[in-house]
N, C-alpha and C. Protein backbone atom coordinates (compact mmCIF):
# COMPACT_ATOMS: atom_id res chain seq x y z
N MET A 1 -23.81 -19.14 -40.27
CA MET A 1 -23.53 -20.10 -39.19
C MET A 1 -22.91 -19.37 -38.00
N LEU A 2 -23.37 -19.71 -36.81
CA LEU A 2 -22.81 -19.10 -35.61
C LEU A 2 -21.42 -19.62 -35.36
N ARG A 3 -20.53 -18.73 -34.94
CA ARG A 3 -19.18 -19.15 -34.58
C ARG A 3 -19.22 -19.87 -33.25
N ARG A 4 -18.42 -20.92 -33.14
CA ARG A 4 -18.42 -21.70 -31.91
C ARG A 4 -17.86 -20.89 -30.73
N ASN A 5 -16.85 -20.11 -30.98
CA ASN A 5 -16.24 -19.31 -29.92
C ASN A 5 -16.21 -17.84 -30.34
N PRO A 6 -17.38 -17.20 -30.36
CA PRO A 6 -17.40 -15.79 -30.78
C PRO A 6 -16.59 -14.93 -29.82
N LYS A 7 -15.94 -13.89 -30.37
CA LYS A 7 -15.16 -13.00 -29.53
C LYS A 7 -16.08 -12.19 -28.63
N LYS A 8 -15.63 -12.03 -27.38
CA LYS A 8 -16.40 -11.20 -26.47
C LYS A 8 -16.22 -9.73 -26.85
N PRO A 9 -17.27 -8.95 -26.74
CA PRO A 9 -17.10 -7.52 -27.05
C PRO A 9 -16.14 -6.87 -26.06
N LYS A 10 -15.31 -5.99 -26.58
CA LYS A 10 -14.34 -5.32 -25.72
C LYS A 10 -15.05 -4.35 -24.79
N LYS A 11 -14.58 -4.31 -23.56
CA LYS A 11 -15.16 -3.36 -22.61
C LYS A 11 -14.75 -1.95 -23.00
N GLU A 12 -15.70 -1.05 -22.87
CA GLU A 12 -15.41 0.35 -23.15
C GLU A 12 -14.43 0.88 -22.10
N ASN A 13 -13.48 1.67 -22.56
CA ASN A 13 -12.53 2.27 -21.62
C ASN A 13 -13.28 3.22 -20.70
N ILE A 14 -13.25 2.91 -19.42
CA ILE A 14 -13.97 3.71 -18.43
C ILE A 14 -12.98 4.62 -17.72
N PRO A 15 -13.25 5.93 -17.65
CA PRO A 15 -12.34 6.85 -16.97
C PRO A 15 -12.07 6.39 -15.54
N THR A 16 -10.81 6.39 -15.17
CA THR A 16 -10.38 5.85 -13.88
C THR A 16 -9.51 6.85 -13.14
N CYS A 17 -9.71 6.97 -11.84
CA CYS A 17 -8.91 7.88 -11.01
C CYS A 17 -7.48 7.37 -10.92
N GLY A 18 -6.52 8.27 -11.08
CA GLY A 18 -5.12 7.89 -11.03
C GLY A 18 -4.58 7.71 -9.62
N VAL A 19 -5.38 8.00 -8.60
CA VAL A 19 -4.93 7.86 -7.21
C VAL A 19 -5.56 6.63 -6.56
N CYS A 20 -6.87 6.61 -6.44
CA CYS A 20 -7.53 5.47 -5.78
C CYS A 20 -7.71 4.28 -6.71
N GLY A 21 -7.53 4.49 -8.02
CA GLY A 21 -7.63 3.39 -8.97
C GLY A 21 -9.05 2.99 -9.32
N LEU A 22 -10.03 3.72 -8.81
CA LEU A 22 -11.43 3.37 -9.07
C LEU A 22 -11.96 4.13 -10.28
N TRP A 23 -13.01 3.59 -10.89
CA TRP A 23 -13.68 4.34 -11.92
C TRP A 23 -14.08 5.71 -11.37
N ASP A 24 -14.05 6.71 -12.22
CA ASP A 24 -14.34 8.07 -11.76
C ASP A 24 -15.67 8.17 -11.02
N GLN A 25 -16.66 7.38 -11.43
CA GLN A 25 -17.96 7.44 -10.77
C GLN A 25 -17.90 6.93 -9.33
N PHE A 26 -16.86 6.16 -9.00
CA PHE A 26 -16.71 5.62 -7.65
C PHE A 26 -15.59 6.29 -6.86
N CYS A 27 -14.89 7.25 -7.46
CA CYS A 27 -13.70 7.85 -6.83
C CYS A 27 -14.01 8.31 -5.40
N VAL A 28 -13.13 7.91 -4.47
CA VAL A 28 -13.35 8.22 -3.05
C VAL A 28 -12.29 9.16 -2.49
N CYS A 29 -11.47 9.74 -3.36
CA CYS A 29 -10.34 10.55 -2.90
C CYS A 29 -10.78 11.71 -2.00
N GLU A 30 -11.97 12.24 -2.28
CA GLU A 30 -12.45 13.41 -1.53
C GLU A 30 -12.68 13.09 -0.05
N ILE A 31 -13.02 11.84 0.27
CA ILE A 31 -13.36 11.52 1.65
C ILE A 31 -12.28 10.68 2.35
N LEU A 32 -11.18 10.41 1.68
CA LEU A 32 -10.13 9.62 2.31
C LEU A 32 -9.53 10.39 3.49
N PRO A 33 -9.24 9.72 4.59
CA PRO A 33 -8.63 10.39 5.74
C PRO A 33 -7.20 10.80 5.44
N ARG A 34 -6.72 11.79 6.16
CA ARG A 34 -5.33 12.25 6.05
C ARG A 34 -4.74 12.25 7.45
N LYS A 35 -3.71 11.43 7.65
CA LYS A 35 -3.13 11.25 8.98
C LYS A 35 -1.65 11.65 8.97
N THR A 36 -1.21 12.27 10.05
CA THR A 36 0.19 12.63 10.21
C THR A 36 0.84 11.69 11.21
N SER A 37 1.85 10.97 10.76
CA SER A 37 2.51 9.97 11.58
C SER A 37 3.82 10.49 12.15
N ARG A 38 4.25 9.91 13.24
CA ARG A 38 5.55 10.25 13.81
C ARG A 38 6.69 9.48 13.15
N ILE A 39 6.35 8.56 12.27
CA ILE A 39 7.36 7.81 11.54
C ILE A 39 7.21 8.14 10.06
N GLU A 40 8.33 8.25 9.37
CA GLU A 40 8.30 8.58 7.94
C GLU A 40 8.25 7.30 7.11
N PHE A 41 7.51 7.36 5.99
CA PHE A 41 7.41 6.21 5.10
C PHE A 41 8.05 6.55 3.76
N LEU A 42 8.94 5.67 3.33
CA LEU A 42 9.56 5.79 2.01
C LEU A 42 9.17 4.56 1.20
N LEU A 43 8.46 4.77 0.11
CA LEU A 43 8.03 3.67 -0.74
C LEU A 43 8.90 3.64 -1.99
N ILE A 44 9.65 2.56 -2.16
CA ILE A 44 10.40 2.37 -3.40
C ILE A 44 9.46 1.60 -4.33
N GLN A 45 8.98 2.29 -5.35
CA GLN A 45 7.90 1.77 -6.18
C GLN A 45 8.43 1.27 -7.52
N HIS A 46 8.17 0.00 -7.81
CA HIS A 46 8.55 -0.56 -9.10
C HIS A 46 7.75 0.13 -10.21
N SER A 47 8.41 0.36 -11.33
CA SER A 47 7.78 1.12 -12.42
C SER A 47 6.50 0.46 -12.92
N SER A 48 6.38 -0.86 -12.83
CA SER A 48 5.18 -1.54 -13.32
C SER A 48 3.95 -1.22 -12.49
N GLU A 49 4.15 -0.73 -11.26
CA GLU A 49 3.00 -0.42 -10.40
C GLU A 49 2.22 0.79 -10.89
N LEU A 50 2.84 1.60 -11.72
CA LEU A 50 2.16 2.78 -12.24
C LEU A 50 0.93 2.41 -13.06
N LEU A 51 0.95 1.22 -13.65
CA LEU A 51 -0.13 0.79 -14.53
C LEU A 51 -1.13 -0.14 -13.85
N ARG A 52 -0.93 -0.43 -12.59
CA ARG A 52 -1.77 -1.41 -11.91
C ARG A 52 -2.91 -0.71 -11.15
N GLN A 53 -4.14 -1.13 -11.44
CA GLN A 53 -5.29 -0.58 -10.72
C GLN A 53 -5.24 -0.99 -9.26
N SER A 54 -4.65 -2.14 -8.98
CA SER A 54 -4.62 -2.67 -7.61
C SER A 54 -3.50 -2.11 -6.76
N ASN A 55 -2.70 -1.18 -7.31
CA ASN A 55 -1.61 -0.60 -6.52
C ASN A 55 -2.16 0.21 -5.36
N THR A 56 -1.57 0.04 -4.17
CA THR A 56 -2.02 0.79 -2.99
C THR A 56 -0.99 1.80 -2.50
N GLY A 57 0.18 1.83 -3.14
CA GLY A 57 1.18 2.81 -2.75
C GLY A 57 0.69 4.23 -2.93
N ARG A 58 -0.08 4.47 -3.98
CA ARG A 58 -0.64 5.81 -4.21
C ARG A 58 -1.57 6.21 -3.08
N LEU A 59 -2.30 5.24 -2.54
CA LEU A 59 -3.21 5.54 -1.43
C LEU A 59 -2.44 5.89 -0.16
N VAL A 60 -1.30 5.23 0.05
CA VAL A 60 -0.47 5.56 1.20
C VAL A 60 -0.02 7.01 1.11
N GLU A 61 0.47 7.40 -0.06
CA GLU A 61 0.92 8.78 -0.26
C GLU A 61 -0.22 9.77 -0.08
N LYS A 62 -1.42 9.38 -0.51
CA LYS A 62 -2.59 10.26 -0.41
C LYS A 62 -3.03 10.46 1.04
N MET A 63 -2.95 9.41 1.85
CA MET A 63 -3.56 9.46 3.18
C MET A 63 -2.59 9.70 4.32
N ILE A 64 -1.30 9.49 4.11
CA ILE A 64 -0.37 9.52 5.23
C ILE A 64 0.79 10.46 4.94
N GLU A 65 1.14 11.25 5.91
CA GLU A 65 2.35 12.07 5.83
C GLU A 65 3.15 11.93 7.13
N PRO A 66 4.47 12.01 7.04
CA PRO A 66 5.28 12.18 5.84
C PRO A 66 5.41 10.87 5.05
N CYS A 67 5.34 10.99 3.73
CA CYS A 67 5.46 9.84 2.85
C CYS A 67 6.07 10.30 1.54
N GLU A 68 6.96 9.49 1.00
CA GLU A 68 7.60 9.80 -0.28
C GLU A 68 7.67 8.53 -1.12
N ILE A 69 7.37 8.66 -2.40
CA ILE A 69 7.49 7.55 -3.34
C ILE A 69 8.74 7.75 -4.19
N ILE A 70 9.60 6.73 -4.22
CA ILE A 70 10.83 6.77 -4.99
C ILE A 70 10.70 5.78 -6.15
N PRO A 71 10.73 6.24 -7.40
CA PRO A 71 10.59 5.32 -8.54
C PRO A 71 11.81 4.41 -8.68
N TRP A 72 11.55 3.19 -9.12
CA TRP A 72 12.63 2.22 -9.37
C TRP A 72 12.27 1.35 -10.57
N GLY A 73 13.27 1.05 -11.38
CA GLY A 73 13.07 0.11 -12.47
C GLY A 73 12.63 0.71 -13.77
N SER A 74 12.54 2.03 -13.86
CA SER A 74 12.13 2.67 -15.11
C SER A 74 13.36 3.08 -15.92
N PRO A 75 13.38 2.76 -17.22
CA PRO A 75 14.50 3.18 -18.05
C PRO A 75 14.55 4.69 -18.26
N ASP A 76 13.41 5.35 -18.02
CA ASP A 76 13.34 6.80 -18.26
C ASP A 76 13.61 7.63 -17.00
N VAL A 77 13.43 7.01 -15.83
CA VAL A 77 13.63 7.75 -14.56
C VAL A 77 14.65 6.98 -13.72
N PRO A 78 15.90 7.44 -13.68
CA PRO A 78 16.92 6.74 -12.91
C PRO A 78 16.57 6.70 -11.42
N PHE A 79 16.91 5.60 -10.78
CA PHE A 79 16.67 5.47 -9.35
C PHE A 79 17.58 6.43 -8.58
N SER A 80 16.99 7.17 -7.65
CA SER A 80 17.76 8.11 -6.81
C SER A 80 17.68 7.65 -5.37
N ALA A 81 18.85 7.45 -4.76
CA ALA A 81 18.90 6.96 -3.38
C ALA A 81 19.13 8.09 -2.38
N GLU A 82 19.00 9.33 -2.82
CA GLU A 82 19.28 10.46 -1.92
C GLU A 82 18.38 10.46 -0.69
N SER A 83 17.13 10.03 -0.86
CA SER A 83 16.21 10.02 0.29
C SER A 83 16.57 8.95 1.30
N LEU A 84 17.49 8.04 0.94
CA LEU A 84 17.94 6.99 1.86
C LEU A 84 19.25 7.37 2.55
N LYS A 85 19.64 8.63 2.43
CA LYS A 85 20.92 9.07 2.98
C LYS A 85 20.79 10.34 3.80
N LYS A 86 19.64 10.56 4.42
CA LYS A 86 19.44 11.78 5.18
C LYS A 86 20.19 11.71 6.51
N PRO A 87 20.99 12.71 6.84
CA PRO A 87 21.72 12.71 8.11
C PRO A 87 20.77 12.66 9.30
N GLY A 88 21.15 11.91 10.32
CA GLY A 88 20.36 11.84 11.54
C GLY A 88 19.11 10.99 11.44
N THR A 89 18.96 10.27 10.35
CA THR A 89 17.77 9.43 10.15
C THR A 89 18.16 7.96 10.24
N ARG A 90 17.37 7.20 10.99
CA ARG A 90 17.56 5.75 11.02
C ARG A 90 16.57 5.11 10.07
N TYR A 91 17.06 4.21 9.23
CA TYR A 91 16.22 3.56 8.24
C TYR A 91 16.00 2.10 8.63
N LEU A 92 14.74 1.67 8.50
CA LEU A 92 14.37 0.27 8.67
C LEU A 92 13.65 -0.17 7.40
N VAL A 93 13.89 -1.39 6.95
CA VAL A 93 13.24 -1.92 5.76
C VAL A 93 12.18 -2.92 6.19
N LEU A 94 10.93 -2.65 5.84
CA LEU A 94 9.84 -3.56 6.19
C LEU A 94 9.70 -4.59 5.08
N TYR A 95 10.32 -5.73 5.30
CA TYR A 95 10.26 -6.81 4.31
C TYR A 95 10.60 -8.12 5.02
N PRO A 96 9.76 -9.14 4.90
CA PRO A 96 10.00 -10.40 5.62
C PRO A 96 11.06 -11.26 4.95
N ARG A 97 12.12 -11.54 5.67
CA ARG A 97 13.12 -12.50 5.21
C ARG A 97 13.70 -13.19 6.43
N SER A 98 14.62 -14.11 6.22
CA SER A 98 15.05 -14.99 7.31
C SER A 98 15.72 -14.25 8.46
N ASP A 99 16.34 -13.12 8.20
CA ASP A 99 17.09 -12.42 9.25
C ASP A 99 16.33 -11.24 9.84
N THR A 100 15.02 -11.17 9.62
CA THR A 100 14.27 -10.04 10.14
C THR A 100 13.84 -10.28 11.59
N ARG A 101 13.56 -9.18 12.26
CA ARG A 101 12.94 -9.24 13.58
C ARG A 101 11.60 -8.52 13.48
N LEU A 102 10.74 -8.71 14.47
CA LEU A 102 9.43 -8.07 14.44
C LEU A 102 9.53 -6.57 14.72
N LEU A 103 8.73 -5.81 14.02
CA LEU A 103 8.63 -4.38 14.27
C LEU A 103 8.06 -4.16 15.67
N GLU A 104 8.61 -3.17 16.39
CA GLU A 104 8.18 -2.90 17.77
C GLU A 104 7.81 -1.43 17.92
N PRO A 105 6.98 -1.10 18.92
CA PRO A 105 6.66 0.31 19.17
C PRO A 105 7.90 1.16 19.44
N ALA A 106 8.91 0.55 20.06
CA ALA A 106 10.14 1.28 20.36
C ALA A 106 10.89 1.71 19.11
N ASP A 107 10.56 1.12 17.95
CA ASP A 107 11.24 1.49 16.72
C ASP A 107 10.93 2.91 16.28
N LEU A 108 9.91 3.51 16.89
CA LEU A 108 9.62 4.90 16.58
C LEU A 108 10.77 5.81 16.96
N GLN A 109 11.45 5.47 18.03
CA GLN A 109 12.52 6.30 18.56
C GLN A 109 13.87 5.86 18.01
N SER A 110 14.55 6.77 17.36
CA SER A 110 15.90 6.49 16.88
C SER A 110 16.87 6.60 18.05
N PRO A 111 17.85 5.68 18.17
CA PRO A 111 18.81 5.73 19.29
C PRO A 111 19.53 7.05 19.40
N GLY A 112 19.76 7.71 18.28
CA GLY A 112 20.48 8.98 18.31
C GLY A 112 19.58 10.18 18.49
N GLY A 113 18.30 9.95 18.71
CA GLY A 113 17.37 11.05 18.91
C GLY A 113 16.78 11.61 17.63
N GLY A 114 17.20 11.08 16.47
CA GLY A 114 16.66 11.55 15.20
C GLY A 114 15.36 10.84 14.85
N LYS A 115 14.94 11.01 13.61
CA LYS A 115 13.68 10.39 13.16
C LYS A 115 13.96 9.02 12.55
N THR A 116 12.89 8.25 12.44
CA THR A 116 12.96 6.92 11.84
C THR A 116 12.18 6.91 10.54
N SER A 117 12.78 6.35 9.50
CA SER A 117 12.11 6.17 8.21
C SER A 117 11.93 4.68 7.95
N LEU A 118 10.72 4.31 7.59
CA LEU A 118 10.43 2.91 7.26
C LEU A 118 10.35 2.78 5.75
N VAL A 119 11.18 1.92 5.19
CA VAL A 119 11.24 1.72 3.75
C VAL A 119 10.40 0.51 3.38
N LEU A 120 9.51 0.69 2.40
CA LEU A 120 8.70 -0.42 1.90
C LEU A 120 8.93 -0.56 0.40
N LEU A 121 8.86 -1.80 -0.09
CA LEU A 121 9.04 -2.08 -1.50
C LEU A 121 7.67 -2.26 -2.12
N ASP A 122 7.25 -1.29 -2.92
CA ASP A 122 5.91 -1.27 -3.50
C ASP A 122 5.96 -1.95 -4.87
N ALA A 123 5.66 -3.26 -4.87
CA ALA A 123 5.81 -4.08 -6.07
C ALA A 123 5.08 -5.39 -5.86
N THR A 124 5.10 -6.25 -6.87
CA THR A 124 4.63 -7.62 -6.65
C THR A 124 5.62 -8.31 -5.72
N TRP A 125 5.22 -9.47 -5.17
CA TRP A 125 6.13 -10.13 -4.23
C TRP A 125 7.39 -10.62 -4.92
N ALA A 126 7.28 -11.07 -6.15
CA ALA A 126 8.47 -11.51 -6.87
C ALA A 126 9.40 -10.32 -7.15
N GLN A 127 8.83 -9.19 -7.54
CA GLN A 127 9.64 -8.01 -7.79
C GLN A 127 10.26 -7.48 -6.49
N ALA A 128 9.48 -7.48 -5.41
CA ALA A 128 9.99 -6.99 -4.13
C ALA A 128 11.17 -7.85 -3.66
N LYS A 129 11.08 -9.15 -3.85
CA LYS A 129 12.18 -10.04 -3.47
C LYS A 129 13.45 -9.68 -4.21
N SER A 130 13.31 -9.43 -5.50
CA SER A 130 14.47 -9.03 -6.30
C SER A 130 15.01 -7.67 -5.87
N MET A 131 14.11 -6.73 -5.63
CA MET A 131 14.52 -5.38 -5.22
C MET A 131 15.24 -5.40 -3.88
N SER A 132 14.79 -6.25 -2.96
CA SER A 132 15.41 -6.32 -1.63
C SER A 132 16.87 -6.75 -1.71
N ARG A 133 17.22 -7.43 -2.80
CA ARG A 133 18.60 -7.89 -2.99
C ARG A 133 19.41 -6.95 -3.88
N ARG A 134 18.74 -6.35 -4.88
CA ARG A 134 19.46 -5.58 -5.89
C ARG A 134 19.72 -4.14 -5.50
N ILE A 135 18.90 -3.57 -4.61
CA ILE A 135 19.10 -2.18 -4.22
C ILE A 135 20.17 -2.15 -3.14
N GLY A 136 21.36 -1.73 -3.53
CA GLY A 136 22.53 -1.82 -2.64
C GLY A 136 22.37 -1.06 -1.35
N GLU A 137 21.74 0.10 -1.41
CA GLU A 137 21.62 0.94 -0.20
C GLU A 137 20.84 0.25 0.91
N LEU A 138 19.95 -0.67 0.57
CA LEU A 138 19.15 -1.34 1.58
C LEU A 138 19.95 -2.34 2.41
N GLN A 139 21.06 -2.79 1.89
CA GLN A 139 21.81 -3.86 2.56
C GLN A 139 22.44 -3.37 3.87
N ASP A 140 22.56 -2.07 4.05
CA ASP A 140 23.14 -1.53 5.28
C ASP A 140 22.10 -1.27 6.35
N PHE A 141 20.81 -1.49 6.04
CA PHE A 141 19.75 -1.19 6.99
C PHE A 141 19.20 -2.47 7.62
N PRO A 142 18.71 -2.38 8.86
CA PRO A 142 18.04 -3.54 9.47
C PRO A 142 16.72 -3.82 8.76
N PHE A 143 16.39 -5.10 8.62
CA PHE A 143 15.11 -5.52 8.05
C PHE A 143 14.18 -5.93 9.20
N VAL A 144 12.93 -5.48 9.11
CA VAL A 144 11.93 -5.83 10.12
C VAL A 144 10.71 -6.40 9.42
N SER A 145 9.86 -7.07 10.18
CA SER A 145 8.65 -7.66 9.60
C SER A 145 7.48 -7.47 10.56
N LEU A 146 6.29 -7.76 10.08
CA LEU A 146 5.07 -7.68 10.87
C LEU A 146 4.72 -9.04 11.45
N PRO A 147 3.93 -9.08 12.51
CA PRO A 147 3.47 -10.37 13.04
C PRO A 147 2.80 -11.21 11.96
N GLN A 148 3.00 -12.50 12.00
CA GLN A 148 2.60 -13.39 10.91
C GLN A 148 1.18 -13.94 11.03
N GLY A 149 0.52 -13.81 12.16
CA GLY A 149 -0.73 -14.52 12.39
C GLY A 149 -1.93 -14.01 11.61
N GLU A 150 -2.00 -12.70 11.36
CA GLU A 150 -3.20 -12.11 10.77
C GLU A 150 -3.24 -12.31 9.26
N ALA A 151 -4.35 -12.81 8.74
CA ALA A 151 -4.51 -13.01 7.31
C ALA A 151 -4.67 -11.66 6.61
N PRO A 152 -4.13 -11.50 5.41
CA PRO A 152 -4.28 -10.24 4.69
C PRO A 152 -5.73 -9.94 4.35
N ARG A 153 -6.10 -8.67 4.41
CA ARG A 153 -7.48 -8.27 4.12
C ARG A 153 -7.66 -7.86 2.66
N TRP A 154 -6.60 -7.43 2.01
CA TRP A 154 -6.67 -6.97 0.62
C TRP A 154 -6.87 -8.17 -0.29
N LYS A 155 -7.95 -8.20 -1.04
CA LYS A 155 -8.33 -9.38 -1.83
C LYS A 155 -8.03 -9.24 -3.32
N LEU A 156 -7.37 -8.17 -3.74
CA LEU A 156 -7.17 -7.94 -5.16
C LEU A 156 -5.90 -8.59 -5.69
N ARG A 157 -5.04 -9.06 -4.78
CA ARG A 157 -3.83 -9.77 -5.20
C ARG A 157 -3.64 -10.98 -4.29
N ARG A 158 -3.03 -12.00 -4.85
CA ARG A 158 -2.74 -13.19 -4.05
C ARG A 158 -1.57 -12.92 -3.12
N SER A 159 -1.66 -13.46 -1.92
CA SER A 159 -0.60 -13.30 -0.93
C SER A 159 0.08 -14.64 -0.69
N PRO A 160 1.42 -14.65 -0.57
CA PRO A 160 2.12 -15.90 -0.30
C PRO A 160 1.82 -16.52 1.05
N GLY A 161 1.31 -15.70 2.00
CA GLY A 161 1.05 -16.24 3.33
C GLY A 161 0.51 -15.17 4.25
N PRO A 162 0.20 -15.52 5.52
CA PRO A 162 -0.42 -14.59 6.47
C PRO A 162 0.40 -13.33 6.72
N GLY A 163 1.72 -13.43 6.69
CA GLY A 163 2.55 -12.26 7.01
C GLY A 163 2.79 -11.34 5.84
N TYR A 164 2.18 -11.65 4.70
CA TYR A 164 2.40 -10.88 3.48
C TYR A 164 1.14 -10.11 3.13
N CYS A 165 1.24 -8.80 3.01
CA CYS A 165 0.06 -8.00 2.71
C CYS A 165 0.45 -6.86 1.77
N CYS A 166 -0.56 -6.19 1.21
CA CYS A 166 -0.30 -5.11 0.28
C CYS A 166 0.36 -3.94 1.01
N THR A 167 0.86 -2.99 0.22
CA THR A 167 1.61 -1.86 0.80
C THR A 167 0.76 -1.06 1.78
N LEU A 168 -0.46 -0.73 1.41
CA LEU A 168 -1.31 0.04 2.30
C LEU A 168 -1.61 -0.73 3.58
N GLU A 169 -1.92 -2.00 3.46
CA GLU A 169 -2.21 -2.78 4.65
C GLU A 169 -0.99 -2.91 5.55
N ALA A 170 0.20 -3.03 4.95
CA ALA A 170 1.43 -3.08 5.74
C ALA A 170 1.63 -1.78 6.51
N VAL A 171 1.34 -0.66 5.87
CA VAL A 171 1.47 0.63 6.55
C VAL A 171 0.43 0.75 7.66
N ILE A 172 -0.79 0.28 7.41
CA ILE A 172 -1.84 0.34 8.45
C ILE A 172 -1.44 -0.50 9.66
N ARG A 173 -0.93 -1.70 9.42
CA ARG A 173 -0.50 -2.55 10.53
C ARG A 173 0.67 -1.92 11.28
N THR A 174 1.56 -1.28 10.53
CA THR A 174 2.68 -0.60 11.17
C THR A 174 2.19 0.52 12.08
N LEU A 175 1.25 1.31 11.58
CA LEU A 175 0.74 2.43 12.37
C LEU A 175 -0.04 1.96 13.59
N ALA A 176 -0.72 0.81 13.48
CA ALA A 176 -1.41 0.26 14.64
C ALA A 176 -0.41 -0.10 15.73
N ILE A 177 0.78 -0.54 15.34
CA ILE A 177 1.83 -0.88 16.31
C ILE A 177 2.49 0.37 16.86
N ILE A 178 2.79 1.31 15.97
CA ILE A 178 3.55 2.50 16.37
C ILE A 178 2.67 3.57 17.01
N GLU A 179 1.50 3.81 16.41
CA GLU A 179 0.64 4.92 16.84
C GLU A 179 -0.60 4.47 17.60
N GLY A 180 -0.96 3.20 17.48
CA GLY A 180 -2.13 2.69 18.18
C GLY A 180 -3.28 2.37 17.24
N ALA A 181 -4.18 1.49 17.70
CA ALA A 181 -5.28 1.01 16.87
C ALA A 181 -6.25 2.12 16.46
N ASP A 182 -6.51 3.07 17.35
CA ASP A 182 -7.44 4.16 17.03
C ASP A 182 -6.91 5.02 15.90
N PHE A 183 -5.60 5.22 15.88
CA PHE A 183 -4.97 6.02 14.83
C PHE A 183 -5.17 5.35 13.47
N ALA A 184 -5.04 4.02 13.45
CA ALA A 184 -5.09 3.28 12.19
C ALA A 184 -6.51 2.98 11.71
N ALA A 185 -7.50 3.08 12.59
CA ALA A 185 -8.86 2.66 12.26
C ALA A 185 -9.44 3.34 11.02
N PRO A 186 -9.33 4.67 10.85
CA PRO A 186 -9.88 5.28 9.63
C PRO A 186 -9.22 4.77 8.35
N LEU A 187 -7.95 4.44 8.44
CA LEU A 187 -7.23 3.92 7.28
C LEU A 187 -7.73 2.53 6.92
N GLU A 188 -8.10 1.75 7.92
CA GLU A 188 -8.67 0.43 7.67
C GLU A 188 -10.01 0.56 6.95
N LEU A 189 -10.81 1.55 7.34
CA LEU A 189 -12.08 1.79 6.65
C LEU A 189 -11.84 2.16 5.19
N ALA A 190 -10.84 3.00 4.96
CA ALA A 190 -10.52 3.41 3.59
C ALA A 190 -10.10 2.22 2.75
N LEU A 191 -9.29 1.34 3.30
CA LEU A 191 -8.87 0.13 2.57
C LEU A 191 -10.08 -0.71 2.20
N GLU A 192 -10.99 -0.90 3.14
CA GLU A 192 -12.19 -1.70 2.89
C GLU A 192 -13.06 -1.06 1.81
N LEU A 193 -13.14 0.26 1.83
CA LEU A 193 -13.95 0.99 0.87
C LEU A 193 -13.42 0.82 -0.55
N VAL A 194 -12.13 1.06 -0.72
CA VAL A 194 -11.52 0.93 -2.05
C VAL A 194 -11.60 -0.51 -2.54
N MET A 195 -11.33 -1.45 -1.66
CA MET A 195 -11.35 -2.86 -2.06
C MET A 195 -12.75 -3.29 -2.50
N THR A 196 -13.77 -2.87 -1.77
CA THR A 196 -15.14 -3.27 -2.10
C THR A 196 -15.56 -2.72 -3.46
N HIS A 197 -15.26 -1.45 -3.72
CA HIS A 197 -15.55 -0.89 -5.03
C HIS A 197 -14.80 -1.65 -6.12
N SER A 198 -13.55 -1.99 -5.85
CA SER A 198 -12.74 -2.70 -6.84
C SER A 198 -13.30 -4.08 -7.14
N LEU A 199 -13.78 -4.76 -6.11
CA LEU A 199 -14.38 -6.08 -6.32
C LEU A 199 -15.65 -5.98 -7.17
N HIS A 200 -16.41 -4.90 -6.97
CA HIS A 200 -17.58 -4.68 -7.81
C HIS A 200 -17.16 -4.42 -9.26
N MET A 201 -16.13 -3.62 -9.45
CA MET A 201 -15.64 -3.33 -10.81
C MET A 201 -15.18 -4.60 -11.52
N ARG A 202 -14.71 -5.58 -10.76
CA ARG A 202 -14.25 -6.84 -11.34
C ARG A 202 -15.35 -7.89 -11.43
N GLY A 203 -16.55 -7.51 -11.06
CA GLY A 203 -17.67 -8.43 -11.16
C GLY A 203 -17.76 -9.42 -10.02
N LYS A 204 -17.03 -9.18 -8.94
CA LYS A 204 -17.05 -10.08 -7.79
C LYS A 204 -18.18 -9.77 -6.81
N LEU A 205 -18.70 -8.56 -6.86
CA LEU A 205 -19.82 -8.15 -6.03
C LEU A 205 -20.84 -7.44 -6.91
N ASN A 206 -22.13 -7.67 -6.66
CA ASN A 206 -23.12 -6.91 -7.41
C ASN A 206 -23.32 -5.53 -6.75
N LYS A 207 -24.12 -4.70 -7.38
CA LYS A 207 -24.28 -3.32 -6.91
C LYS A 207 -24.84 -3.27 -5.50
N THR A 208 -25.85 -4.09 -5.22
CA THR A 208 -26.46 -4.08 -3.89
C THR A 208 -25.46 -4.51 -2.82
N GLU A 209 -24.70 -5.54 -3.10
CA GLU A 209 -23.68 -6.01 -2.14
C GLU A 209 -22.65 -4.92 -1.90
N MET A 210 -22.22 -4.27 -2.97
CA MET A 210 -21.25 -3.18 -2.83
C MET A 210 -21.80 -2.05 -1.96
N GLU A 211 -23.01 -1.63 -2.25
CA GLU A 211 -23.60 -0.50 -1.52
C GLU A 211 -23.82 -0.84 -0.05
N ASP A 212 -24.23 -2.07 0.24
CA ASP A 212 -24.46 -2.47 1.63
C ASP A 212 -23.18 -2.34 2.46
N ILE A 213 -22.04 -2.56 1.83
CA ILE A 213 -20.76 -2.45 2.54
C ILE A 213 -20.26 -1.01 2.53
N CYS A 214 -20.36 -0.36 1.38
CA CYS A 214 -19.70 0.94 1.21
C CYS A 214 -20.43 2.12 1.87
N LEU A 215 -21.75 2.12 1.82
CA LEU A 215 -22.49 3.29 2.32
C LEU A 215 -22.21 3.57 3.80
N PRO A 216 -22.23 2.56 4.69
CA PRO A 216 -21.89 2.85 6.09
C PRO A 216 -20.45 3.33 6.25
N ILE A 217 -19.53 2.81 5.45
CA ILE A 217 -18.14 3.26 5.54
C ILE A 217 -18.02 4.72 5.11
N ILE A 218 -18.70 5.06 4.02
CA ILE A 218 -18.65 6.45 3.54
C ILE A 218 -19.21 7.40 4.60
N GLU A 219 -20.31 7.01 5.22
CA GLU A 219 -20.89 7.86 6.28
C GLU A 219 -19.92 8.01 7.43
N GLY A 220 -19.24 6.89 7.79
CA GLY A 220 -18.28 6.95 8.87
C GLY A 220 -17.09 7.84 8.55
N LEU A 221 -16.58 7.77 7.33
CA LEU A 221 -15.44 8.61 6.95
C LEU A 221 -15.83 10.07 6.86
N ARG A 222 -17.03 10.34 6.39
CA ARG A 222 -17.48 11.74 6.30
C ARG A 222 -17.66 12.36 7.68
N SER A 223 -17.93 11.54 8.68
CA SER A 223 -18.15 12.06 10.02
C SER A 223 -16.86 12.32 10.79
N LEU A 224 -15.73 11.89 10.25
CA LEU A 224 -14.46 12.08 10.97
C LEU A 224 -14.05 13.53 10.99
């Protein structure tokens, strides 16, 4: 007799890139752009993000310098706040809350003539909310946010609203404000490329749909 609810066969474990999060056959790390910014990025990354295919903090570190990832929340790796205490550095926290102001191009310049570091919380929105309160060193820094009108482009995670986007998209929007739209354009292509492959891996796009989107992007990135 046939079972009414037969178990679905388990998917075979497919080798996956530890940076872009894509199956090895789709890995795009070789063609990702590498940009040098005048603002430093510090990503405080929740330990659970290490296991998430949809994490984009790794892509930020891969494509943008200067950038540093600081682990948080792991019982095996204690949180170190030393990177948040550099002399002559002004720190801003990019996280939307009631007392934030909008990020401005002038934020590139530190009043004292030093460099500016932008701190981002690389986590789910619930985790980021908790981290913004629990990490004591952040309470001494100004909080800034991005303009709220633009809908998030990253489709692999749900967003609470228009002003909420993934880590990579937040960095891209920041760079468009600080460095200009042309500077950020290759990074936008990279985001679209990784997202499209990921949607195909999840069965949201068929192979033809994926290729129609990805092939022109790959050609564009290779020509940079």
